[in-house]
N, C-alpha and C. Protein backbone atom coordinates (compact mmCIF):
# COMPACT_ATOMS: atom_id res chain seq x y z
N MET A 1 68.91 -88.87 -7.90
CA MET A 1 69.25 -88.14 -8.78
C MET A 1 68.20 -88.02 -10.08
N SER A 2 67.96 -87.04 -10.65
CA SER A 2 66.90 -87.31 -11.74
C SER A 2 67.57 -86.14 -12.92
N GLY A 3 67.73 -86.52 -13.77
CA GLY A 3 68.27 -85.90 -15.16
C GLY A 3 69.37 -85.30 -15.20
N LYS A 4 69.60 -84.22 -16.05
CA LYS A 4 70.83 -83.51 -16.03
C LYS A 4 70.43 -82.12 -15.47
N LEU A 5 71.73 -81.25 -15.26
CA LEU A 5 71.45 -80.21 -14.46
C LEU A 5 70.97 -79.06 -15.49
N VAL A 6 69.97 -78.24 -15.28
CA VAL A 6 69.31 -77.29 -16.13
C VAL A 6 69.12 -76.08 -15.13
N ARG A 7 69.14 -74.68 -15.27
CA ARG A 7 68.36 -73.98 -14.64
C ARG A 7 67.11 -73.82 -14.65
N ALA A 8 66.01 -73.82 -13.48
CA ALA A 8 65.03 -73.84 -13.77
C ALA A 8 64.27 -72.36 -14.28
N GLU A 9 62.97 -72.64 -14.93
CA GLU A 9 62.51 -71.24 -15.27
C GLU A 9 61.25 -70.76 -14.40
N HIS A 10 60.60 -71.97 -13.89
CA HIS A 10 59.64 -71.62 -13.15
C HIS A 10 59.30 -71.48 -11.80
N ASP A 11 60.54 -72.20 -11.04
CA ASP A 11 60.70 -71.76 -9.67
C ASP A 11 62.19 -71.18 -9.27
N LYS A 12 62.15 -70.10 -9.94
CA LYS A 12 63.38 -69.19 -9.88
C LYS A 12 63.30 -68.22 -9.04
N VAL A 13 64.38 -67.64 -8.31
CA VAL A 13 64.32 -66.54 -7.45
C VAL A 13 65.25 -65.49 -8.13
N ILE A 14 66.35 -65.89 -8.61
CA ILE A 14 67.33 -64.70 -9.07
C ILE A 14 67.83 -65.49 -10.47
N GLY A 15 68.49 -66.81 -10.50
CA GLY A 15 68.75 -67.09 -11.84
C GLY A 15 68.30 -68.66 -12.28
N GLY A 16 67.57 -69.20 -10.85
CA GLY A 16 67.07 -70.56 -11.29
C GLY A 16 68.29 -71.46 -10.65
N VAL A 17 69.44 -71.11 -10.19
CA VAL A 17 70.45 -72.29 -10.33
C VAL A 17 70.04 -73.11 -9.03
N CYS A 18 69.68 -72.48 -7.76
CA CYS A 18 69.02 -73.39 -6.60
C CYS A 18 68.19 -74.34 -7.04
N ALA A 19 67.39 -73.66 -7.72
CA ALA A 19 65.94 -74.72 -8.19
C ALA A 19 66.41 -75.69 -8.93
N GLY A 20 67.29 -75.62 -9.86
CA GLY A 20 68.18 -76.53 -10.93
C GLY A 20 68.69 -77.54 -9.98
N LEU A 21 69.62 -77.01 -9.19
CA LEU A 21 70.19 -77.96 -8.64
C LEU A 21 69.41 -79.04 -7.28
N ALA A 22 67.89 -78.10 -7.00
CA ALA A 22 67.24 -79.15 -6.18
C ALA A 22 66.51 -80.23 -6.84
N ARG A 23 66.03 -79.83 -8.21
CA ARG A 23 65.49 -80.58 -9.00
C ARG A 23 66.26 -81.75 -9.51
N ARG A 24 67.92 -81.76 -9.31
CA ARG A 24 68.91 -82.56 -9.96
C ARG A 24 69.17 -83.56 -8.94
N PHE A 25 68.76 -83.09 -7.56
CA PHE A 25 69.71 -83.75 -6.46
C PHE A 25 68.27 -84.32 -5.52
N GLY A 26 67.33 -84.24 -6.12
CA GLY A 26 66.04 -84.73 -5.35
C GLY A 26 65.57 -84.03 -4.27
N THR A 27 65.75 -82.54 -4.22
CA THR A 27 65.31 -82.01 -2.94
C THR A 27 64.58 -80.85 -3.35
N SER A 28 64.04 -80.23 -2.18
CA SER A 28 63.22 -79.09 -2.45
C SER A 28 64.15 -77.85 -2.88
N ALA A 29 63.44 -76.91 -3.80
CA ALA A 29 64.08 -75.65 -4.05
C ALA A 29 64.45 -74.63 -2.60
N ARG A 30 63.58 -74.62 -1.59
CA ARG A 30 63.75 -74.04 -0.63
C ARG A 30 65.02 -74.70 0.22
N THR A 31 65.10 -75.88 0.05
CA THR A 31 66.15 -76.59 1.17
C THR A 31 67.53 -76.34 0.20
N MET A 32 67.64 -76.24 -0.62
CA MET A 32 68.75 -75.92 -1.72
C MET A 32 69.08 -74.53 -1.56
N ARG A 33 68.15 -73.52 -1.29
CA ARG A 33 68.53 -71.98 -1.05
C ARG A 33 69.15 -71.88 0.42
N LEU A 34 68.34 -72.88 1.19
CA LEU A 34 69.04 -72.59 2.60
C LEU A 34 70.27 -73.21 2.77
N ILE A 35 70.57 -74.42 1.91
CA ILE A 35 71.87 -74.75 2.24
C ILE A 35 72.83 -73.68 1.56
N PHE A 36 72.30 -73.12 0.21
CA PHE A 36 73.55 -71.96 -0.23
C PHE A 36 73.65 -70.87 0.98
N LEU A 37 72.51 -70.49 1.28
CA LEU A 37 72.77 -69.00 2.36
C LEU A 37 73.67 -69.50 3.51
N VAL A 38 73.57 -70.73 4.20
CA VAL A 38 74.51 -71.37 5.19
C VAL A 38 75.75 -71.45 4.65
N SER A 39 75.98 -71.74 3.62
CA SER A 39 77.30 -72.05 3.09
C SER A 39 77.98 -70.72 2.85
N CYS A 40 77.10 -69.71 2.68
CA CYS A 40 78.10 -68.37 2.40
C CYS A 40 78.38 -68.02 3.96
N LEU A 41 77.90 -68.56 4.89
CA LEU A 41 78.56 -67.88 5.94
C LEU A 41 80.23 -68.71 6.33
N LEU A 42 80.65 -69.63 5.74
CA LEU A 42 82.03 -70.22 5.75
C LEU A 42 82.67 -69.71 4.58
N PRO A 43 84.01 -69.39 4.86
CA PRO A 43 85.10 -69.18 3.86
C PRO A 43 84.79 -69.84 2.67
N GLY A 44 85.03 -69.50 1.44
CA GLY A 44 85.05 -70.01 0.24
C GLY A 44 84.30 -69.14 -0.83
N PRO A 45 84.52 -69.78 -2.19
CA PRO A 45 84.01 -69.02 -3.29
C PRO A 45 82.58 -69.38 -3.92
N GLN A 46 81.44 -69.66 -2.81
CA GLN A 46 80.06 -69.92 -3.35
C GLN A 46 79.61 -68.65 -4.08
N PHE A 47 79.46 -67.51 -3.62
CA PHE A 47 79.13 -66.60 -4.74
C PHE A 47 79.39 -66.80 -5.87
N LEU A 48 80.83 -67.12 -6.36
CA LEU A 48 81.55 -67.05 -7.57
C LEU A 48 81.13 -68.19 -8.35
N LEU A 49 80.95 -69.57 -7.45
CA LEU A 49 80.34 -70.78 -7.98
C LEU A 49 78.92 -70.33 -8.63
N TYR A 50 78.09 -69.91 -7.84
CA TYR A 50 76.89 -69.61 -8.14
C TYR A 50 76.81 -68.84 -9.44
N LEU A 51 77.52 -67.85 -9.50
CA LEU A 51 77.47 -67.10 -11.02
C LEU A 51 78.21 -67.74 -12.08
N ALA A 52 79.27 -68.57 -11.70
CA ALA A 52 79.27 -69.47 -12.69
C ALA A 52 78.59 -70.55 -13.11
N LEU A 53 77.52 -70.98 -12.28
CA LEU A 53 76.52 -71.95 -12.70
C LEU A 53 75.58 -71.11 -13.33
N TRP A 54 75.40 -69.81 -12.92
CA TRP A 54 74.25 -69.04 -13.67
C TRP A 54 74.55 -69.02 -15.10
N ILE A 55 75.80 -68.46 -15.53
CA ILE A 55 76.47 -68.32 -16.61
C ILE A 55 76.52 -69.64 -17.66
N PHE A 56 77.25 -70.66 -16.93
CA PHE A 56 77.12 -71.78 -17.84
C PHE A 56 76.45 -72.87 -17.98
N VAL A 57 75.51 -73.04 -17.02
CA VAL A 57 74.54 -74.09 -16.96
C VAL A 57 73.49 -73.67 -18.03
N PRO A 58 72.54 -74.25 -18.60
CA PRO A 58 71.93 -73.79 -19.62
C PRO A 58 70.74 -73.76 -19.15
N SER A 59 69.57 -72.88 -19.35
CA SER A 59 68.19 -72.82 -18.93
C SER A 59 67.58 -73.90 -19.32
N GLU A 60 66.42 -74.46 -18.97
CA GLU A 60 65.44 -75.47 -19.44
C GLU A 60 64.98 -74.98 -20.96
N ARG A 61 64.63 -73.87 -21.05
CA ARG A 61 64.18 -73.35 -22.43
C ARG A 61 65.33 -73.67 -23.41
N ARG A 62 66.44 -73.39 -22.95
CA ARG A 62 67.71 -73.52 -24.10
C ARG A 62 67.91 -74.86 -24.22
N ALA A 63 67.83 -75.86 -22.99
CA ALA A 63 68.01 -76.86 -23.24
C ALA A 63 67.03 -77.82 -23.68
N GLY A 64 65.87 -77.56 -23.76
CA GLY A 64 64.73 -77.98 -24.36
C GLY A 64 64.10 -79.06 -23.44
N THR A 65 64.38 -78.92 -22.23
CA THR A 65 63.92 -79.75 -21.38
C THR A 65 62.72 -79.29 -20.29
N ALA A 66 62.01 -78.15 -20.72
CA ALA A 66 61.13 -77.37 -19.71
C ALA A 66 59.91 -78.82 -19.23
N HIS A 67 59.53 -78.46 -17.96
CA HIS A 67 58.65 -79.32 -17.30
C HIS A 67 57.48 -78.87 -17.24
N ALA A 68 56.43 -79.13 -17.86
CA ALA A 68 55.17 -78.63 -17.50
C ALA A 68 54.67 -78.77 -16.20
N ALA A 69 55.08 -79.41 -15.52
CA ALA A 69 54.32 -79.69 -14.04
C ALA A 69 55.22 -78.75 -13.15
N TRP A 70 56.47 -77.92 -13.44
CA TRP A 70 57.14 -77.30 -12.71
C TRP A 70 56.53 -75.92 -12.84
């Protein structure tokens, strides 16, 4: 695991949540997006959790941790 959780600015599709989670847990953004999509087939509040993370997790720009290599 690397660093704190922030929403990605450069590898985002919608809100940068999956890319930020992928970076935090050391996996690819594509893998995290696939995990999220598969989890949506299961019962539960996955979409609401995504929205909450989008609202409450700061973006790289706001957190001041922008990565030049990303």
